[in-house]
Amino acid sequence: MRKKKTDIILENVLIEGVAAEGKAIARIDGVVLFVEYAVPGDVVNVKIIKKKKNYMEGVITSMIKPSEQRMEPFCEHFGICGGCKWQHLPYEMQLQAKQQQVYDQLVRIGHLSIPEISPIIPSDNTRYYRNKLEFTFSSKRWIYGDEDPESLSPEERCGLGFHVGRFFDKVLDIKHCWLQKEPSNRIRLFMKDYALRHGLEFYNIRENTGFLRNMVVRSNTAGDIMLTVVFSREDHSLMDPFLSSIAEAFPEIKSLYYVINSKLNDSISDQECILYKGEDAIWERMENLRFKIGPKSFYQTNSEQAYKLYSAARNLAALEGGEVVYDLYTGTGTIAQFVSAKASKVVGIEYVKEAIDDANVNAEANGITNCRFYAGDMKDVLTSDFIKENGTPEVMIIDPPRAGMHPDVVKTILEAAPQRIVYVSCNPASQARDLAMMSEQYEITAVQPVDMFPQTIHVENICALTRK
């Protein structure tokens, strides 16, 4: 070890395993060391960037001996882009780490009593698996270390891509993204080229200036495309030629929207999406069901894995045909309708009104008559009076956002006392917290992880609960 007060270099560090948040782990004199972008079996020199009493964090300064398990990252943006952090790990090792993550959150940290965790359900596709991506226009893109900022023209400073991790105002200009099938990359590059050639201003998030803000590409398994373009102000002399050129270049775009967003944040959930050309939605198919996807609709971003996820949730619900089922955080009603054939009645609740509108359209299109959908904040909608009006649920399926459930919602669930609960979560940490609040009344009977996002640290997890 070479030490300076502000600079510690650890030499010949053997990486032992994969830890939480996608970091690898080593141990130095009994102190845990977390290292980004390392692989078990690597021997590396590490610069310490954080030093606490019980742990340290560091970055690799040089590779002494790479692990035999180490994979060559396939993306040129690896290490800077905030996504796909596990390209250097074999997929089997990624799955093992995600399975361990579920165990750690539920048992080691959450202190919950669980049965043996079922083997994680892998993804058939580990690249080009997403059906939705959002890209940001920036007049001040991420500048690489070998570039001279002073020599770059304003046009060369522009970028269209993803926000760089830990830097809200920095956007990495993406050449090729491996997450979504074509024509996603070609559409993005066409839009950037057109904007630069026609002098359309890229957005500056710090100053809230510029014309072009965001673009969202959605696709379905049939190859239909929905594109939403977000502008900072309404100027049809600039917008119409731009949108028309995109539509002409890409006939695959079945639905072309635009949004005028002059707010300080990028969210369009409270903004009007205006149909410029084409159909108002694209449709996804699952078994014999069709689901409408609009510009604001929530739909699982890995369509093929969504089917595996919903199938597992339906199996764990163990429906016999006569149950009243509540589907909380129903989105566009996908899970609700997916289980409706095995229930007497399904009640879906979702915050986004447009999603509920789509859910009703979906139910009508699928000929489903035993689903009822309600829009509003979960803690305000799911009340004892609501349950009296809609019937006491025998089964609840819960699929909340990443933050988990509000304590008031958990309280109402416990008061409703369904016989079985199926809790689907994209965040095992918040899931463990919520399950702890229900542990006095419910026993966890099954745990089923699902890999929805290969090459990333994220894992979906399903827990089945039975009332004690």
Protein backbone atom coordinates (compact mmCIF):
# COMPACT_ATOMS: atom_id res chain seq x y z
CA MET A 1 0.00 0.00 0.00
CA ARG A 2 1.27 3.46 -0.95
CA LYS A 3 -0.28 6.23 1.13
CA LYS A 4 -0.73 9.93 0.88
CA LYS A 5 -3.16 11.91 2.92
CA THR A 6 -5.41 12.47 -0.06
CA ASP A 7 -4.33 9.55 -2.23
CA ILE A 8 -4.30 5.86 -1.35
CA ILE A 9 -3.32 3.22 -3.91
CA LEU A 10 -3.88 -0.44 -3.09
CA GLU A 11 -1.78 -2.78 -5.21
CA ASN A 12 -2.44 -6.36 -6.37
CA VAL A 13 -5.98 -6.45 -5.03
CA LEU A 14 -7.81 -9.73 -5.68
CA ILE A 15 -11.49 -9.21 -6.47
CA GLU A 16 -13.52 -11.85 -4.66
CA GLY A 17 -17.16 -11.39 -5.64
CA VAL A 18 -20.02 -9.23 -6.86
CA ALA A 19 -21.63 -6.89 -4.32
CA ALA A 20 -24.68 -4.64 -4.16
CA GLU A 21 -25.29 -1.81 -6.65
CA GLY A 22 -23.23 -3.58 -9.30
CA LYS A 23 -19.88 -3.13 -7.58
CA ALA A 24 -17.36 -5.89 -7.00
CA ILE A 25 -15.93 -6.68 -3.59
CA ALA A 26 -12.52 -7.37 -2.06
CA ARG A 27 -11.24 -7.46 1.53
CA ILE A 28 -8.16 -5.62 2.74
CA ASP A 29 -7.02 -6.36 6.28
CA GLY A 30 -10.59 -7.18 7.26
CA VAL A 31 -12.01 -4.02 5.67
CA VAL A 32 -14.47 -4.41 2.80
CA LEU A 33 -13.48 -2.71 -0.45
CA PHE A 34 -16.04 -1.96 -3.17
CA VAL A 35 -14.72 -1.50 -6.71
CA GLU A 36 -16.65 -0.51 -9.82
CA TYR A 37 -16.28 -2.41 -13.12
CA ALA A 38 -14.29 -5.25 -11.59
CA VAL A 39 -14.87 -8.98 -12.08
CA PRO A 40 -14.30 -11.77 -9.52
CA GLY A 41 -10.80 -13.11 -10.18
CA ASP A 42 -9.36 -9.77 -11.37
CA VAL A 43 -6.06 -8.68 -9.82
CA VAL A 44 -5.96 -4.90 -9.93
CA ASN A 45 -4.46 -1.75 -8.51
CA VAL A 46 -7.15 0.40 -6.91
CA LYS A 47 -7.30 4.08 -6.05
CA ILE A 48 -9.40 4.76 -2.93
CA ILE A 49 -12.04 7.46 -3.47
CA LYS A 50 -13.91 6.98 -0.18
CA LYS A 51 -12.60 5.65 3.13
CA LYS A 52 -14.81 4.90 6.11
CA LYS A 53 -14.25 2.91 9.29
CA ASN A 54 -15.89 -0.29 8.00
CA TYR A 55 -15.49 -0.03 4.24
CA MET A 56 -13.74 1.67 1.35
CA GLU A 57 -14.68 2.47 -2.23
CA GLY A 58 -12.23 2.58 -5.09
CA VAL A 59 -11.66 2.66 -8.83
CA ILE A 60 -9.33 0.54 -10.92
CA THR A 61 -6.16 2.35 -11.94
CA SER A 62 -4.51 -0.59 -13.67
CA MET A 63 -5.24 -4.20 -14.47
CA ILE A 64 -2.51 -6.56 -13.23
CA LYS A 65 -4.23 -9.77 -14.27
CA PRO A 66 -7.75 -9.95 -15.73
CA SER A 67 -10.12 -12.63 -14.51
CA GLU A 68 -10.74 -15.60 -16.78
CA GLN A 69 -14.42 -14.73 -16.37
CA ARG A 70 -14.03 -11.18 -17.69
CA MET A 71 -15.98 -10.40 -20.87
CA GLU A 72 -15.08 -7.78 -23.47
CA PRO A 73 -17.77 -5.05 -23.29
CA PHE A 74 -19.67 -4.85 -26.58
CA CYS A 75 -20.67 -1.18 -26.34
CA GLU A 76 -18.26 1.66 -27.09
CA HIS A 77 -19.97 3.78 -24.40
CA PHE A 78 -19.36 1.27 -21.61
CA GLY A 79 -17.99 2.86 -18.45
CA ILE A 80 -19.37 6.33 -19.15
CA CYS A 81 -22.99 5.68 -20.03
CA GLY A 82 -24.98 4.98 -16.88
CA GLY A 83 -26.64 1.85 -18.27
CA CYS A 84 -25.54 -1.73 -19.00
CA LYS A 85 -22.91 -1.72 -16.23
CA TRP A 86 -22.45 -5.50 -16.29
CA GLN A 87 -21.32 -6.04 -19.88
CA HIS A 88 -18.00 -7.27 -18.52
CA LEU A 89 -19.71 -10.04 -16.49
CA PRO A 90 -20.83 -13.35 -18.02
CA TYR A 91 -24.60 -13.54 -18.08
CA GLU A 92 -24.66 -16.52 -15.74
CA MET A 93 -22.69 -14.49 -13.19
CA GLN A 94 -25.14 -11.61 -13.59
CA LEU A 95 -28.02 -13.96 -12.78
CA GLN A 96 -26.24 -15.31 -9.72
CA ALA A 97 -25.58 -11.78 -8.46
CA LYS A 98 -29.23 -10.80 -8.92
CA GLN A 99 -30.41 -13.92 -7.11
CA GLN A 100 -28.05 -13.02 -4.26
CA GLN A 101 -29.33 -9.44 -4.27
CA VAL A 102 -32.87 -10.69 -3.65
CA TYR A 103 -31.70 -12.89 -0.79
CA ASP A 104 -29.66 -10.09 0.78
CA GLN A 105 -32.50 -7.58 0.69
CA LEU A 106 -35.17 -9.94 2.01
CA VAL A 107 -33.16 -11.97 4.52
CA ARG A 108 -29.78 -10.48 5.39
CA ILE A 109 -30.98 -6.86 5.50
CA GLY A 110 -34.74 -7.24 5.79
CA HIS A 111 -34.63 -10.10 8.34
CA LEU A 112 -37.65 -11.73 6.72
CA SER A 113 -38.47 -15.42 6.93
CA ILE A 114 -38.72 -16.84 3.42
CA PRO A 115 -38.76 -20.24 1.73
CA GLU A 116 -35.97 -21.26 -0.64
CA ILE A 117 -35.77 -18.76 -3.48
CA SER A 118 -36.73 -20.20 -6.86
CA PRO A 119 -34.04 -19.98 -9.56
CA ILE A 120 -34.15 -16.63 -11.33
CA ILE A 121 -35.97 -16.64 -14.68
CA PRO A 122 -33.41 -15.56 -17.30
CA SER A 123 -34.01 -13.43 -20.38
CA ASP A 124 -33.72 -15.13 -23.75
CA ASN A 125 -32.35 -11.91 -25.21
CA THR A 126 -29.58 -10.04 -23.43
CA ARG A 127 -29.34 -7.30 -26.06
CA TYR A 128 -31.98 -5.29 -27.96
CA TYR A 129 -34.64 -6.30 -25.46
CA ARG A 130 -36.22 -2.94 -24.54
CA ASN A 131 -39.39 -1.58 -26.12
CA LYS A 132 -38.91 1.97 -24.86
CA LEU A 133 -35.99 4.39 -24.72
CA GLU A 134 -35.79 8.10 -23.95
CA PHE A 135 -32.98 10.28 -25.27
CA THR A 136 -32.11 13.87 -24.35
CA PHE A 137 -30.92 16.70 -26.59
CA SER A 138 -28.11 18.71 -25.01
CA SER A 139 -26.16 21.76 -26.18
CA LYS A 140 -23.39 20.80 -23.75
CA ARG A 141 -22.67 17.10 -24.17
CA TRP A 142 -20.19 15.04 -22.21
CA ILE A 143 -16.64 15.91 -23.38
CA TYR A 144 -14.17 13.01 -23.52
CA GLY A 145 -10.78 13.33 -21.87
CA ASP A 146 -8.90 13.23 -25.18
CA GLU A 147 -10.99 16.08 -26.65
CA ASP A 148 -10.01 19.74 -26.49
CA PRO A 149 -13.12 21.65 -25.40
CA GLU A 150 -11.73 24.94 -26.68
CA SER A 151 -11.46 23.62 -30.23
CA LEU A 152 -15.03 22.31 -30.42
CA SER A 153 -17.63 24.28 -32.36
CA PRO A 154 -21.11 24.82 -30.86
CA GLU A 155 -22.41 22.09 -33.19
CA GLU A 156 -19.71 19.67 -32.03
CA ARG A 157 -20.69 20.33 -28.43
CA CYS A 158 -24.24 19.13 -29.09
CA GLY A 159 -25.29 15.62 -28.19
CA LEU A 160 -28.33 13.37 -28.25
CA GLY A 161 -28.27 10.48 -25.82
CA PHE A 162 -28.43 9.47 -22.16
CA HIS A 163 -27.67 11.40 -19.00
CA VAL A 164 -24.30 10.44 -17.56
CA GLY A 165 -24.53 8.91 -14.10
CA ARG A 166 -24.10 11.40 -11.24
CA PHE A 167 -24.22 14.38 -13.63
CA PHE A 168 -27.77 15.65 -14.17
CA ASP A 169 -26.68 18.22 -16.75
CA LYS A 170 -24.32 16.01 -18.78
CA VAL A 171 -25.59 14.01 -21.74
CA LEU A 172 -23.49 11.37 -23.46
CA ASP A 173 -23.86 11.51 -27.23
CA ILE A 174 -24.81 7.96 -28.21
CA LYS A 175 -23.51 6.50 -31.46
CA HIS A 176 -25.13 3.07 -31.12
CA CYS A 177 -27.34 1.76 -28.33
CA TRP A 178 -27.65 -2.00 -27.87
CA LEU A 179 -30.88 -1.85 -25.88
CA GLN A 180 -33.54 -1.37 -28.57
CA LYS A 181 -33.86 -2.87 -32.02
CA GLU A 182 -33.62 -0.80 -35.16
CA PRO A 183 -34.83 1.59 -36.37
CA SER A 184 -34.27 3.15 -32.92
CA ASN A 185 -30.64 4.10 -33.57
CA ARG A 186 -31.33 5.25 -37.12
CA ILE A 187 -34.21 7.48 -36.00
CA ARG A 188 -32.08 9.11 -33.30
CA LEU A 189 -29.14 9.74 -35.62
CA PHE A 190 -31.44 11.10 -38.34
CA MET A 191 -33.00 13.55 -35.88
CA LYS A 192 -29.64 14.74 -34.64
CA ASP A 193 -28.31 15.22 -38.16
CA TYR A 194 -31.42 17.11 -39.27
CA ALA A 195 -31.30 19.36 -36.20
CA LEU A 196 -27.66 20.27 -36.77
CA ARG A 197 -28.13 20.90 -40.50
CA HIS A 198 -31.16 23.12 -39.92
CA GLY A 199 -29.89 24.99 -36.89
CA LEU A 200 -32.43 23.68 -34.39
CA GLU A 201 -31.22 24.54 -30.89
CA PHE A 202 -30.40 21.69 -28.51
CA TYR A 203 -31.61 22.14 -24.94
CA ASN A 204 -29.47 23.53 -22.11
CA ILE A 205 -30.87 22.09 -18.89
CA ARG A 206 -29.01 24.52 -16.62
CA GLU A 207 -30.25 27.62 -18.40
CA ASN A 208 -33.60 26.21 -19.57
CA THR A 209 -32.90 27.37 -23.10
CA GLY A 210 -33.01 25.66 -26.47
CA PHE A 211 -35.74 24.18 -28.67
CA LEU A 212 -35.25 20.40 -28.77
CA ARG A 213 -35.58 18.63 -25.40
CA ASN A 214 -36.28 14.90 -25.61
CA MET A 215 -37.36 12.03 -27.82
CA VAL A 216 -39.04 8.78 -26.76
CA VAL A 217 -39.02 5.72 -29.00
CA ARG A 218 -41.49 2.93 -28.24
CA SER A 219 -41.84 -0.30 -30.18
CA ASN A 220 -43.82 -3.52 -30.10
CA THR A 221 -42.93 -7.08 -31.04
CA ALA A 222 -44.60 -6.60 -34.44
CA GLY A 223 -42.10 -3.85 -35.30
CA ASP A 224 -44.45 -0.86 -35.07
CA ILE A 225 -42.90 2.35 -33.76
CA MET A 226 -44.26 5.22 -31.67
CA LEU A 227 -42.13 8.36 -31.53
CA THR A 228 -42.74 11.27 -29.17
CA VAL A 229 -40.70 14.44 -29.71
CA VAL A 230 -40.55 17.01 -26.90
CA PHE A 231 -40.03 20.71 -27.71
CA SER A 232 -39.56 23.56 -25.26
CA ARG A 233 -41.92 25.89 -27.12
CA GLU A 234 -44.49 25.78 -29.91
CA ASP A 235 -43.05 26.95 -33.21
CA HIS A 236 -44.66 25.19 -36.17
CA SER A 237 -42.33 26.83 -38.67
CA LEU A 238 -39.58 24.66 -37.15
CA MET A 239 -41.60 21.74 -35.82
CA ASP A 240 -43.62 20.80 -38.89
CA PRO A 241 -40.72 20.38 -41.37
CA PHE A 242 -38.80 18.42 -38.73
CA LEU A 243 -41.66 16.06 -37.90
CA SER A 244 -42.65 15.64 -41.55
CA SER A 245 -39.07 14.71 -42.49
CA ILE A 246 -38.97 12.08 -39.74
CA ALA A 247 -42.30 10.58 -40.82
CA GLU A 248 -41.20 10.44 -44.45
CA ALA A 249 -37.84 8.83 -43.63
CA PHE A 250 -39.32 6.19 -41.32
CA PRO A 251 -42.63 4.70 -42.49
CA GLU A 252 -42.33 2.21 -39.60
CA ILE A 253 -43.46 5.02 -37.32
CA LYS A 254 -47.14 4.23 -36.89
CA SER A 255 -47.70 6.90 -34.26
CA LEU A 256 -45.94 10.28 -34.17
CA TYR A 257 -46.57 12.63 -31.24
CA TYR A 258 -45.13 15.89 -30.02
CA VAL A 259 -45.16 17.60 -26.63
CA ILE A 260 -44.56 21.23 -25.66
CA ASN A 261 -42.74 21.22 -22.32
CA SER A 262 -41.58 24.56 -20.95
CA LYS A 263 -41.13 23.29 -17.37
CA LEU A 264 -37.79 22.95 -15.62
CA ASN A 265 -38.02 19.13 -15.53
CA ASP A 266 -38.31 16.58 -18.33
CA SER A 267 -41.39 14.71 -17.10
CA ILE A 268 -44.27 14.72 -19.58
CA SER A 269 -46.76 12.89 -17.34
CA ASP A 270 -48.59 16.19 -16.76
CA GLN A 271 -48.21 17.47 -20.33
CA GLU A 272 -50.48 17.07 -23.34
CA CYS A 273 -49.26 14.65 -25.98
CA ILE A 274 -50.44 15.88 -29.39
CA LEU A 275 -50.81 13.39 -32.23
CA TYR A 276 -49.03 14.79 -35.29
CA LYS A 277 -49.46 11.87 -37.66
CA GLY A 278 -50.64 8.27 -37.68
CA GLU A 279 -52.55 6.20 -35.15
CA ASP A 280 -53.07 7.23 -31.54
CA ALA A 281 -51.35 4.10 -30.19
CA ILE A 282 -49.44 0.94 -30.95
CA TRP A 283 -50.60 -2.45 -29.68
CA GLU A 284 -48.78 -5.27 -27.97
CA ARG A 285 -49.99 -8.86 -27.91
CA MET A 286 -49.72 -11.34 -25.03
CA GLU A 287 -51.35 -14.77 -25.41
CA ASN A 288 -54.80 -13.97 -26.86
CA LEU A 289 -54.85 -10.43 -25.44
CA ARG A 290 -54.03 -7.08 -27.05
CA PHE A 291 -52.81 -4.06 -25.08
CA LYS A 292 -52.95 -0.46 -26.22
CA ILE A 293 -49.80 1.55 -25.60
CA GLY A 294 -50.05 5.32 -25.75
CA PRO A 295 -47.30 7.93 -25.25
CA LYS A 296 -47.85 7.97 -21.45
CA SER A 297 -48.82 4.34 -20.93
CA PHE A 298 -46.90 2.14 -18.55
CA TYR A 299 -45.95 -1.17 -20.08
CA GLN A 300 -43.10 -3.43 -19.01
CA THR A 301 -40.10 -2.35 -21.09
CA ASN A 302 -39.03 -5.93 -21.87
CA SER A 303 -42.06 -7.38 -23.67
CA GLU A 304 -40.85 -10.97 -23.84
CA GLN A 305 -39.87 -11.05 -20.17
CA ALA A 306 -43.13 -9.33 -19.23
CA TYR A 307 -44.94 -12.45 -20.39
CA LYS A 308 -42.75 -14.64 -18.17
CA LEU A 309 -43.23 -12.23 -15.26
CA TYR A 310 -47.01 -12.13 -15.59
CA SER A 311 -47.20 -15.89 -16.07
CA ALA A 312 -45.26 -16.42 -12.84
CA ALA A 313 -47.47 -13.91 -11.00
CA ARG A 314 -50.62 -15.63 -12.30
CA ASN A 315 -49.35 -19.03 -11.21
CA LEU A 316 -48.50 -17.74 -7.72
CA ALA A 317 -51.96 -16.15 -7.41
CA ALA A 318 -53.36 -19.72 -7.58
CA LEU A 319 -56.75 -18.52 -8.82
CA GLU A 320 -59.59 -21.04 -8.98
CA GLY A 321 -62.14 -18.91 -10.84
CA GLY A 322 -64.36 -17.47 -8.15
CA GLU A 323 -62.08 -14.91 -6.52
CA VAL A 324 -62.36 -11.13 -6.39
CA VAL A 325 -58.90 -9.84 -7.33
CA TYR A 326 -57.47 -6.35 -6.79
CA ASP A 327 -54.64 -5.30 -9.11
CA LEU A 328 -52.91 -2.34 -7.47
CA TYR A 329 -50.78 -0.03 -9.66
CA THR A 330 -52.40 -1.69 -12.67
CA GLY A 331 -50.88 0.55 -15.39
CA THR A 332 -52.77 -0.18 -18.60
CA GLY A 333 -54.43 -3.17 -16.97
CA THR A 334 -52.06 -5.78 -18.30
CA ILE A 335 -51.85 -8.02 -15.22
CA ALA A 336 -55.54 -7.47 -14.43
CA GLN A 337 -56.64 -8.72 -17.82
CA PHE A 338 -54.00 -11.42 -17.90
CA VAL A 339 -55.56 -13.04 -14.80
CA SER A 340 -59.20 -12.10 -15.50
CA ALA A 341 -60.15 -15.43 -17.09
CA LYS A 342 -59.43 -17.16 -13.77
CA ALA A 343 -61.26 -14.65 -11.55
CA SER A 344 -64.86 -13.64 -11.00
CA LYS A 345 -63.95 -9.94 -10.84
CA VAL A 346 -60.79 -7.85 -11.12
CA VAL A 347 -60.46 -4.29 -9.78
CA GLY A 348 -57.51 -2.26 -11.09
CA ILE A 349 -56.22 1.01 -9.62
CA GLU A 350 -53.63 3.29 -11.20
CA TYR A 351 -52.45 6.90 -10.69
CA VAL A 352 -52.15 7.90 -14.38
CA LYS A 353 -55.59 8.62 -15.84
CA GLU A 354 -54.43 8.09 -19.43
CA ALA A 355 -53.26 4.59 -18.47
CA ILE A 356 -56.68 3.79 -17.04
CA ASP A 357 -58.29 5.10 -20.23
CA ASP A 358 -56.09 2.64 -22.14
CA ALA A 359 -56.97 -0.14 -19.67
CA ASN A 360 -60.67 0.35 -20.41
CA VAL A 361 -59.99 0.36 -24.15
CA ASN A 362 -57.91 -2.81 -23.74
CA ALA A 363 -60.68 -4.57 -21.83
CA GLU A 364 -63.24 -3.68 -24.46
CA ALA A 365 -60.93 -4.75 -27.29
CA ASN A 366 -60.30 -8.06 -25.56
CA GLY A 367 -63.96 -8.68 -24.80
CA ILE A 368 -63.29 -8.68 -21.05
CA THR A 369 -66.31 -7.70 -18.96
CA ASN A 370 -65.21 -8.59 -15.42
CA CYS A 371 -62.56 -5.85 -14.98
CA ARG A 372 -63.19 -2.42 -13.43
CA PHE A 373 -60.52 0.27 -13.48
CA TYR A 374 -60.11 3.39 -11.33
CA ALA A 375 -57.68 6.32 -11.59
CA GLY A 376 -56.19 8.21 -8.64
CA ASP A 377 -53.54 8.23 -5.95
CA MET A 378 -53.50 4.75 -4.41
CA LYS A 379 -53.67 5.95 -0.80
CA ASP A 380 -56.71 8.11 -1.66
CA VAL A 381 -58.57 5.58 -3.81
CA LEU A 382 -57.98 2.37 -1.87
CA THR A 383 -60.10 3.08 1.20
CA SER A 384 -62.41 0.96 3.32
CA ASP A 385 -65.41 2.56 1.58
CA PHE A 386 -63.93 1.68 -1.82
CA ILE A 387 -63.53 -1.94 -0.72
CA LYS A 388 -67.11 -2.07 0.56
CA GLU A 389 -68.33 -0.79 -2.79
CA ASN A 390 -66.19 -3.08 -4.98
CA GLY A 391 -66.07 -6.19 -2.85
CA THR A 392 -63.55 -7.65 -0.44
CA PRO A 393 -60.61 -9.13 -2.34
CA GLU A 394 -59.59 -12.73 -1.85
CA VAL A 395 -56.39 -12.03 -3.81
CA MET A 396 -54.36 -8.86 -4.28
CA ILE A 397 -51.69 -8.40 -6.94
CA ILE A 398 -49.41 -5.46 -6.19
CA ASP A 399 -46.91 -3.96 -8.64
CA PRO A 400 -45.89 -0.57 -7.19
CA PRO A 401 -43.30 1.90 -8.50
CA ARG A 402 -39.69 1.66 -7.39
CA ALA A 403 -40.30 3.52 -4.12
CA GLY A 404 -42.79 0.88 -2.99
CA MET A 405 -46.06 1.52 -1.16
CA HIS A 406 -47.24 4.36 1.04
CA PRO A 407 -47.78 3.16 4.64
CA ASP A 408 -51.47 4.13 4.34
CA VAL A 409 -51.81 1.72 1.41
CA VAL A 410 -50.19 -1.08 3.41
CA LYS A 411 -52.57 -0.33 6.29
CA THR A 412 -55.60 -0.59 4.00
CA ILE A 413 -54.33 -3.85 2.50
CA LEU A 414 -54.00 -5.31 5.99
CA GLU A 415 -57.51 -4.13 6.84
CA ALA A 416 -58.87 -5.72 3.65
CA ALA A 417 -57.10 -8.95 4.70
CA PRO A 418 -57.00 -10.82 1.36
CA GLN A 419 -56.23 -14.51 1.67
CA ARG A 420 -53.32 -14.25 -0.77
CA ILE A 421 -51.07 -11.44 -1.99
CA VAL A 422 -48.73 -11.49 -4.97
CA TYR A 423 -46.21 -8.65 -4.67
CA VAL A 424 -44.31 -7.82 -7.88
CA SER A 425 -41.42 -5.42 -7.39
CA CYS A 426 -38.62 -3.81 -9.39
CA ASN A 427 -36.83 -2.94 -6.14
CA PRO A 428 -36.28 -5.75 -3.60
CA ALA A 429 -35.19 -3.18 -1.00
CA SER A 430 -38.52 -1.32 -0.90
CA GLN A 431 -40.30 -4.67 -1.31
CA ALA A 432 -38.56 -5.98 1.83
CA ARG A 433 -39.59 -2.85 3.76
CA ASP A 434 -43.23 -3.27 2.73
CA LEU A 435 -43.23 -7.01 3.45
CA ALA A 436 -41.89 -6.33 6.94
CA MET A 437 -44.95 -4.18 7.62
CA MET A 438 -47.16 -7.12 6.63
CA SER A 439 -45.15 -9.87 8.31
CA GLU A 440 -47.31 -10.17 11.41
CA GLN A 441 -50.35 -11.08 9.35
CA TYR A 442 -48.78 -12.71 6.29
CA GLU A 443 -46.32 -15.50 5.60
CA ILE A 444 -44.08 -15.41 2.52
CA THR A 445 -44.69 -18.71 0.71
CA ALA A 446 -42.72 -18.23 -2.53
CA VAL A 447 -40.00 -15.98 -3.93
CA GLN A 448 -39.41 -15.80 -7.69
CA PRO A 449 -36.81 -13.42 -9.19
CA VAL A 450 -37.08 -12.49 -12.87
CA ASP A 451 -34.35 -10.85 -14.93
CA MET A 452 -36.07 -8.07 -16.86
CA PHE A 453 -32.92 -6.03 -17.56
CA PRO A 454 -29.85 -8.02 -18.67
CA GLN A 455 -26.47 -6.24 -18.45
CA THR A 456 -27.81 -4.07 -15.60
CA ILE A 457 -27.86 -4.42 -11.82
CA HIS A 458 -31.67 -4.33 -11.65
CA VAL A 459 -33.83 -7.33 -10.82
CA GLU A 460 -37.58 -7.90 -10.66
CA ASN A 461 -38.89 -10.05 -7.85
CA ILE A 462 -42.21 -11.69 -7.03
CA CYS A 463 -43.23 -12.72 -3.53
CA ALA A 464 -46.33 -14.76 -2.78
CA LEU A 465 -47.93 -14.22 0.63
CA THR A 466 -50.62 -16.16 2.48
CA ARG A 467 -52.59 -14.81 5.40
CA LYS A 468 -51.61 -16.46 8.66
